[in-house]
Amino acid sequence: MKHPYLTDDHEIFRRSLRKFLEKEAYPFYDQWEEERIIPRSFWEKMGEQGYLCPDIDEEYGGSEVDWGFAVVINEELERVGSGLVGVGLHNDIVVPYITAYGTDEQKKRWLPKCTTGEIITAIAMTEPGTGSDLANIQTTAILDGDHYILNGQKTFITNGIQSDLIVVACKTDPKANPKHKGVSLLVVERDTPGFSRGRKLNKVGLHCQDTAELIFEDCRVPKENLLGEEGKGFLYLMEKLQQERLLVAIAAQTASEVMLKQTIEYVKSREAFGKPVSKFQNTQFKIVEMATEIEMGRAFLDQLIAEHIEGKDVVTKVSMAKWKLTDSAKRIAGECMQLHGGYGYMEEYEIARRFRDIPVASIYAGTNEIMKTIIAKNLGL
């Protein structure tokens, strides 16, 4: 049966990427977790091999390939570890804002270095007092001659420490009514006066992923760094969140597949009462239940990705996939840890790390409660 979006070219690409990661990522991942950061040298090696922003135009350093290649990259990075989520954020969340809404000058200035790993990107939406309610952000950017004066704080920012280029959601018209019409997107570069980084946040999981607070104090941003039109920021965010949430669903599905595979291998090798743990009916039923749920999730997800690649508006289905697959992954992490017994609680077994890393997927990119609200609205409720 023909796959909804993958071809032989994608599978050749996957084998090549997997070989690269077996050399450059798997052996060092535990060290990165301890050091709480992924070295820039890894980003640069990804760039050298064409694994950063492969879908953008060749004139900016991309390969102009279809988004199926991005899916392969995100799946293979997740197989290494969830802490590599920052690469997917750079490739498939932040850079698409520049390709979609940037001027020719902005694209020429930033995109080539995004493909080499010289520029690492981030997007700053969440604030200490504002999460999913983006219309109520408090960060302001007031035009003063040739510059915007940016003031505010952002938190939970993926790639927050390493980023060289940050797309900041801010209010250019704090008095706009309705409020969302005052939101704009400004691109802040690393050495902009008035921009500083706060703490690198100490998280339950995703240890090697640098998440930070960002602070803007009378930060002077050139007005040519406005992305798209003033007052259209909220609209841009809504347009791009479909792909962001789809990425989270892809990572959750991949993590579930990895956890199940590892658990099957473990229960076959571990013996209790004179036979492998896999021979106990409870174990078999648990494995069967997870395998069925994962298989159904994969079928739904692959069809959804195909529709997204075709350019269809699949916001409702993406919201379904985001909440359901992340919810499943959390439950599967718990079941798999249980089947590992005491060893599942030991850091030397990967399931312990997966158990820590998975829960945040139901929180970021819009909480699962927000996903259900979106679905309910779109169902006419």
Protein backbone atom coordinates (compact mmCIF):
# COMPACT_ATOMS: atom_id res chain seq x y z
CA MET A 1 0.00 0.00 0.00
CA LYS A 2 1.33 3.41 -1.00
CA HIS A 3 2.41 5.62 1.93
CA PRO A 4 0.44 8.89 2.23
CA TYR A 5 3.55 11.08 1.86
CA LEU A 6 6.82 9.12 2.12
CA THR A 7 8.70 7.96 -1.00
CA ASP A 8 11.92 6.03 -1.61
CA ASP A 9 13.79 9.37 -1.53
CA HIS A 10 12.56 10.01 2.00
CA GLU A 11 13.72 6.56 3.14
CA ILE A 12 17.17 7.03 1.58
CA PHE A 13 17.35 10.38 3.36
CA ARG A 14 16.28 8.73 6.65
CA ARG A 15 19.06 6.13 6.42
CA SER A 16 21.61 8.87 5.75
CA LEU A 17 20.36 10.99 8.67
CA ARG A 18 20.26 7.99 11.01
CA LYS A 19 23.86 7.17 10.14
CA PHE A 20 24.84 10.78 10.86
CA LEU A 21 23.04 10.75 14.23
CA GLU A 22 24.59 7.41 15.21
CA LYS A 23 27.96 9.12 14.85
CA GLU A 24 27.24 12.67 16.02
CA ALA A 25 24.32 12.46 18.51
CA TYR A 26 23.65 9.08 20.14
CA PRO A 27 27.15 8.70 21.69
CA PHE A 28 27.04 12.19 23.23
CA TYR A 29 23.42 12.57 24.26
CA ASP A 30 23.91 11.56 27.92
CA GLN A 31 26.78 14.05 28.16
CA TRP A 32 24.58 16.81 26.71
CA GLU A 33 21.91 15.96 29.29
CA GLU A 34 24.46 16.33 32.09
CA GLU A 35 25.84 19.56 30.67
CA ARG A 36 22.29 20.89 30.17
CA ILE A 37 23.05 22.10 26.64
CA ILE A 38 23.51 20.87 23.07
CA PRO A 39 26.79 22.24 21.68
CA ARG A 40 26.69 24.68 18.78
CA SER A 41 29.11 22.37 16.97
CA PHE A 42 26.24 19.85 16.59
CA TRP A 43 24.05 22.54 15.02
CA GLU A 44 26.86 23.40 12.61
CA LYS A 45 27.34 19.73 11.65
CA MET A 46 23.57 19.46 11.03
CA GLY A 47 23.87 22.51 8.78
CA GLU A 48 26.87 21.12 6.87
CA GLN A 49 24.89 17.98 6.03
CA GLY A 50 21.79 19.88 4.88
CA TYR A 51 19.61 18.91 7.86
CA LEU A 52 18.70 22.48 8.81
CA CYS A 53 15.77 24.13 6.98
CA PRO A 54 15.94 21.75 3.97
CA ASP A 55 12.58 22.95 2.61
CA ILE A 56 13.54 26.60 2.04
CA ASP A 57 14.60 28.01 -1.36
CA GLU A 58 18.01 27.12 -2.76
CA GLU A 59 18.94 30.80 -3.06
CA TYR A 60 18.96 30.94 0.76
CA GLY A 61 20.85 27.66 1.23
CA GLY A 62 17.94 25.21 1.40
CA SER A 63 17.19 22.23 -0.83
CA GLU A 64 13.55 23.13 -1.72
CA VAL A 65 12.38 19.65 -0.72
CA ASP A 66 8.85 18.80 0.43
CA TRP A 67 7.88 18.85 4.10
CA GLY A 68 8.03 15.05 4.31
CA PHE A 69 11.80 15.47 4.76
CA ALA A 70 11.14 17.70 7.78
CA VAL A 71 8.95 14.96 9.27
CA VAL A 72 11.79 12.45 8.85
CA ILE A 73 14.22 14.82 10.57
CA ASN A 74 11.88 15.40 13.51
CA GLU A 75 11.18 11.68 13.94
CA GLU A 76 14.86 10.73 13.89
CA LEU A 77 15.83 13.51 16.32
CA GLU A 78 13.08 12.36 18.70
CA ARG A 79 14.43 8.80 18.53
CA VAL A 80 17.72 10.17 19.90
CA GLY A 81 15.96 12.15 22.62
CA SER A 82 13.23 14.70 23.24
CA GLY A 83 15.82 17.32 24.20
CA LEU A 84 16.57 17.86 20.51
CA VAL A 85 13.18 19.57 20.12
CA GLY A 86 14.97 22.90 19.64
CA VAL A 87 16.20 21.86 16.19
CA GLY A 88 12.64 21.19 15.04
CA LEU A 89 11.57 24.52 16.52
CA HIS A 90 14.27 26.28 14.48
CA ASN A 91 13.56 24.39 11.23
CA ASP A 92 9.79 24.15 11.24
CA ILE A 93 8.41 26.78 13.58
CA VAL A 94 10.60 29.92 13.65
CA VAL A 95 12.20 29.95 10.19
CA PRO A 96 8.77 29.54 8.48
CA TYR A 97 7.75 32.92 9.98
CA ILE A 98 10.67 34.51 8.13
CA THR A 99 10.02 32.67 4.86
CA ALA A 100 6.29 33.48 5.00
CA TYR A 101 6.28 37.07 6.26
CA GLY A 102 9.84 38.36 5.84
CA THR A 103 10.92 40.91 3.23
CA ASP A 104 13.48 39.96 0.56
CA GLU A 105 16.08 41.91 2.51
CA GLN A 106 15.25 40.08 5.76
CA LYS A 107 15.40 36.69 4.03
CA LYS A 108 18.79 37.46 2.45
CA ARG A 109 20.12 38.73 5.78
CA TRP A 110 19.01 35.83 7.98
CA LEU A 111 18.05 32.66 6.12
CA PRO A 112 21.45 31.55 4.71
CA LYS A 113 22.94 31.48 8.22
CA CYS A 114 19.85 29.64 9.54
CA THR A 115 20.67 26.78 7.14
CA THR A 116 24.33 26.57 8.25
CA GLY A 117 23.68 26.68 11.98
CA GLU A 118 25.49 30.01 12.36
CA ILE A 119 22.14 31.47 13.42
CA ILE A 120 19.98 29.59 15.94
CA THR A 121 16.43 30.91 16.25
CA ALA A 122 13.76 31.11 18.94
CA ILE A 123 10.23 32.43 19.25
CA ALA A 124 9.13 34.37 22.33
CA MET A 125 5.40 34.28 23.05
CA THR A 126 4.91 33.12 26.65
CA GLU A 127 5.30 35.62 29.49
CA PRO A 128 5.49 35.12 33.27
CA GLY A 129 1.79 36.05 33.54
CA THR A 130 0.52 34.99 30.10
CA GLY A 131 0.58 31.52 28.55
CA SER A 132 -2.07 30.47 26.06
CA ASP A 133 -3.88 33.84 26.15
CA LEU A 134 -1.69 35.55 23.54
CA ALA A 135 -4.02 38.52 23.01
CA ASN A 136 -3.20 39.63 26.57
CA ILE A 137 0.59 39.74 26.36
CA GLN A 138 2.12 42.70 28.21
CA THR A 139 5.39 43.16 26.28
CA THR A 140 5.22 46.46 24.39
CA ALA A 141 7.09 47.88 21.39
CA ILE A 142 6.54 51.62 20.83
CA LEU A 143 7.87 53.24 17.67
CA ASP A 144 10.44 55.98 18.32
CA GLY A 145 11.89 57.32 15.07
CA ASP A 146 13.72 54.49 13.30
CA HIS A 147 13.46 52.06 16.23
CA TYR A 148 10.88 50.26 18.32
CA ILE A 149 11.46 50.53 22.08
CA LEU A 150 10.75 47.02 23.37
CA ASN A 151 9.93 46.40 27.03
CA GLY A 152 8.84 43.18 28.73
CA GLN A 153 9.79 39.68 29.81
CA LYS A 154 9.36 36.29 28.18
CA THR A 155 9.76 32.88 29.78
CA PHE A 156 9.95 29.14 28.92
CA ILE A 157 11.74 30.09 25.67
CA THR A 158 13.11 27.08 23.78
CA ASN A 159 16.67 27.78 22.49
CA GLY A 160 16.61 30.76 24.85
CA ILE A 161 20.31 30.61 25.75
CA GLN A 162 21.79 29.81 22.35
CA SER A 163 19.48 31.83 20.11
CA ASP A 164 20.91 34.52 17.85
CA LEU A 165 17.58 35.58 16.37
CA ILE A 166 14.33 35.77 18.33
CA VAL A 167 10.85 36.41 16.93
CA VAL A 168 9.15 38.34 19.73
CA ALA A 169 5.37 38.68 20.04
CA CYS A 170 4.67 42.16 21.42
CA LYS A 171 2.05 44.92 21.57
CA THR A 172 2.79 47.75 19.12
CA ASP A 173 -0.65 49.19 19.94
CA PRO A 174 -1.40 48.49 23.62
CA LYS A 175 -4.77 50.28 23.36
CA ALA A 176 -6.07 48.27 20.37
CA ASN A 177 -9.65 46.99 20.60
CA PRO A 178 -10.01 44.05 20.19
CA LYS A 179 -6.70 43.44 21.94
CA HIS A 180 -5.31 40.90 19.44
CA LYS A 181 -5.15 43.62 16.76
CA GLY A 182 -2.36 45.32 18.69
CA VAL A 183 0.01 42.32 18.46
CA SER A 184 3.03 42.45 16.12
CA LEU A 185 6.15 40.34 15.58
CA LEU A 186 9.60 41.88 15.99
CA VAL A 187 12.88 40.10 15.26
CA VAL A 188 15.48 40.75 17.96
CA GLU A 189 19.12 39.95 17.20
CA ARG A 190 21.63 38.65 19.73
CA ASP A 191 23.55 41.85 20.54
CA THR A 192 20.64 44.30 20.48
CA PRO A 193 21.09 46.96 23.22
CA GLY A 194 18.62 46.43 26.05
CA PHE A 195 18.20 42.70 25.41
CA SER A 196 19.46 40.25 28.03
CA ARG A 197 18.86 36.66 29.08
CA GLY A 198 17.65 35.68 32.51
CA ARG A 199 18.00 32.24 34.05
CA LYS A 200 18.52 29.05 32.12
CA LEU A 201 15.52 27.26 33.58
CA ASN A 202 15.96 24.01 35.50
CA LYS A 203 13.30 21.66 34.14
CA VAL A 204 11.96 18.26 35.23
CA GLY A 205 12.93 16.83 31.83
CA LEU A 206 14.38 17.92 28.47
CA HIS A 207 17.61 18.61 30.32
CA CYS A 208 19.85 19.24 27.30
CA GLN A 209 17.34 21.65 25.78
CA ASP A 210 18.22 25.23 26.73
CA THR A 211 15.06 26.92 27.99
CA ALA A 212 15.41 30.44 29.34
CA GLU A 213 13.91 33.74 30.39
CA LEU A 214 14.40 36.71 28.07
CA ILE A 215 14.38 40.33 29.25
CA PHE A 216 13.84 43.47 27.19
CA GLU A 217 14.57 46.80 28.91
CA ASP A 218 14.23 49.80 26.58
CA CYS A 219 15.53 47.43 23.93
CA ARG A 220 16.06 49.37 20.67
CA VAL A 221 14.98 47.24 17.71
CA PRO A 222 15.38 48.72 14.20
CA LYS A 223 11.96 49.19 12.59
CA GLU A 224 13.15 47.17 9.57
CA ASN A 225 13.11 44.16 11.94
CA LEU A 226 9.30 44.23 12.01
CA LEU A 227 8.13 40.90 10.59
CA GLY A 228 5.20 41.34 8.21
CA GLU A 229 2.72 44.11 8.97
CA GLU A 230 2.18 45.91 12.24
CA GLY A 231 -0.92 44.61 14.04
CA LYS A 232 -0.99 41.31 12.12
CA GLY A 233 1.13 39.35 14.61
CA PHE A 234 -1.75 37.49 16.23
CA LEU A 235 -3.02 36.39 12.82
CA TYR A 236 0.46 35.17 11.84
CA LEU A 237 0.76 33.21 15.09
CA MET A 238 -2.60 31.52 14.52
CA GLU A 239 -1.61 30.59 10.95
CA LYS A 240 1.66 28.98 12.02
CA LEU A 241 0.49 27.21 15.19
CA GLN A 242 -1.03 24.38 13.08
CA GLN A 243 2.45 23.22 12.04
CA GLU A 244 3.89 23.74 15.53
CA ARG A 245 1.21 21.54 17.10
CA LEU A 246 1.65 18.93 14.40
CA LEU A 247 5.37 18.76 15.29
CA VAL A 248 4.46 18.07 18.93
CA ALA A 249 2.13 15.26 17.82
CA ILE A 250 4.88 13.76 15.61
CA ALA A 251 7.35 13.80 18.53
CA ALA A 252 4.82 12.22 20.92
CA GLN A 253 3.96 9.46 18.44
CA THR A 254 7.63 8.73 17.78
CA ALA A 255 8.42 8.64 21.51
CA SER A 256 5.58 6.16 22.07
CA GLU A 257 6.93 3.90 19.32
CA VAL A 258 10.44 4.05 20.81
CA MET A 259 9.22 3.30 24.35
CA LEU A 260 7.13 0.31 23.23
CA LYS A 261 10.01 -1.18 21.21
CA GLN A 262 12.40 -0.86 24.16
CA THR A 263 9.86 -2.33 26.57
CA ILE A 264 9.14 -5.35 24.36
CA GLU A 265 12.89 -6.04 24.20
CA TYR A 266 13.17 -5.67 27.98
CA VAL A 267 10.24 -7.95 28.95
CA LYS A 268 11.53 -10.66 26.62
CA SER A 269 14.96 -10.62 28.26
CA ARG A 270 13.90 -10.18 31.91
CA GLU A 271 12.95 -13.36 33.79
CA ALA A 272 10.70 -13.80 36.83
CA PHE A 273 9.39 -17.03 38.40
CA GLY A 274 11.41 -19.04 35.91
CA LYS A 275 10.15 -17.51 32.67
CA PRO A 276 10.43 -14.26 30.67
CA VAL A 277 8.18 -11.44 31.89
CA SER A 278 6.75 -11.32 28.35
CA LYS A 279 5.06 -14.70 28.98
CA PHE A 280 2.77 -13.32 31.70
CA GLN A 281 -0.73 -12.56 30.47
CA ASN A 282 -0.82 -9.15 32.17
CA THR A 283 2.36 -8.14 30.35
CA GLN A 284 0.99 -9.37 27.04
CA PHE A 285 -2.30 -7.52 27.47
CA LYS A 286 -0.53 -4.27 28.41
CA ILE A 287 1.79 -4.54 25.40
CA VAL A 288 -1.11 -5.37 23.08
CA GLU A 289 -3.15 -2.41 24.31
CA MET A 290 -0.23 -0.01 23.78
CA ALA A 291 0.68 -1.48 20.39
CA THR A 292 -2.91 -1.07 19.19
CA GLU A 293 -3.15 2.50 20.41
CA ILE A 294 0.19 3.37 18.79
CA GLU A 295 -0.78 1.76 15.48
CA MET A 296 -4.04 3.71 15.35
CA GLY A 297 -2.25 6.93 16.29
CA ARG A 298 0.27 6.43 13.48
CA ALA A 299 -2.46 5.87 10.88
CA PHE A 300 -4.27 9.06 11.90
CA LEU A 301 -1.05 11.07 12.10
CA ASP A 302 0.31 10.01 8.70
CA GLN A 303 -2.93 10.92 6.96
CA LEU A 304 -2.95 14.25 8.78
CA ILE A 305 0.63 15.03 7.74
CA ALA A 306 -0.27 14.24 4.11
CA GLU A 307 -3.20 16.69 4.29
CA HIS A 308 -0.96 19.36 5.88
CA ILE A 309 1.64 18.92 3.11
CA GLU A 310 -1.17 19.40 0.57
CA GLY A 311 -1.87 22.76 2.20
CA LYS A 312 -5.25 21.86 3.68
CA ASP A 313 -6.67 23.61 6.73
CA VAL A 314 -6.59 20.79 9.29
CA VAL A 315 -6.61 22.82 12.51
CA THR A 316 -9.32 20.67 14.12
CA LYS A 317 -7.58 17.38 13.33
CA VAL A 318 -4.19 18.77 14.37
CA SER A 319 -5.69 19.83 17.71
CA MET A 320 -7.09 16.31 18.07
CA ALA A 321 -3.72 14.73 17.27
CA LYS A 322 -1.83 17.08 19.58
CA TRP A 323 -3.95 16.34 22.65
CA LYS A 324 -4.60 12.66 21.99
CA LEU A 325 -1.07 11.59 21.04
CA THR A 326 0.60 13.53 23.86
CA ASP A 327 -1.94 12.14 26.33
CA SER A 328 -1.29 8.61 25.04
CA ALA A 329 2.48 9.11 25.23
CA LYS A 330 2.25 10.10 28.91
CA ARG A 331 0.20 7.01 29.71
CA ILE A 332 2.49 4.75 27.65
CA ALA A 333 5.55 6.16 29.44
CA GLY A 334 3.99 5.16 32.77
CA GLU A 335 2.99 1.67 31.57
CA CYS A 336 6.43 1.05 30.07
CA MET A 337 8.20 2.18 33.23
CA GLN A 338 5.97 -0.17 35.25
CA LEU A 339 6.86 -3.10 32.96
CA HIS A 340 10.54 -2.34 33.51
CA GLY A 341 10.02 -2.82 37.25
CA GLY A 342 12.63 -1.30 39.54
CA TYR A 343 15.06 -0.86 36.65
CA GLY A 344 12.61 1.51 34.99
CA TYR A 345 13.25 3.98 37.79
CA MET A 346 17.00 3.91 37.23
CA GLU A 347 18.58 6.64 35.10
CA GLU A 348 20.71 4.08 33.26
CA TYR A 349 17.55 2.87 31.51
CA GLU A 350 16.22 5.21 28.83
CA ILE A 351 12.60 4.77 29.92
CA ALA A 352 13.35 6.89 33.02
CA ARG A 353 14.42 9.81 30.80
CA ARG A 354 11.42 9.35 28.50
CA PHE A 355 9.13 9.36 31.57
CA ARG A 356 10.57 12.76 32.55
CA ASP A 357 10.59 14.24 29.05
CA ILE A 358 7.10 13.32 27.85
CA PRO A 359 4.71 15.25 30.18
CA VAL A 360 5.55 18.74 28.90
CA ALA A 361 4.26 17.83 25.41
CA SER A 362 0.70 18.15 26.73
CA ILE A 363 1.51 21.66 27.99
CA TYR A 364 3.56 23.49 25.35
CA ALA A 365 2.36 24.71 21.94
CA GLY A 366 -1.00 25.27 23.62
CA THR A 367 -2.17 23.07 26.48
CA ASN A 368 -4.32 20.03 25.79
CA GLU A 369 -7.19 21.86 27.48
CA ILE A 370 -6.84 24.64 24.89
CA MET A 371 -6.80 21.98 22.13
CA LYS A 372 -10.14 20.65 23.37
CA THR A 373 -11.55 24.18 23.46
CA ILE A 374 -10.52 24.70 19.82
CA ILE A 375 -12.05 21.37 18.77
CA ALA A 376 -15.29 22.13 20.62
CA LYS A 377 -15.56 25.53 18.93
CA ASN A 378 -14.88 24.04 15.49
CA LEU A 379 -17.51 21.35 16.10
CA GLY A 380 -20.04 24.13 16.58
CA LEU A 381 -20.38 23.67 20.33
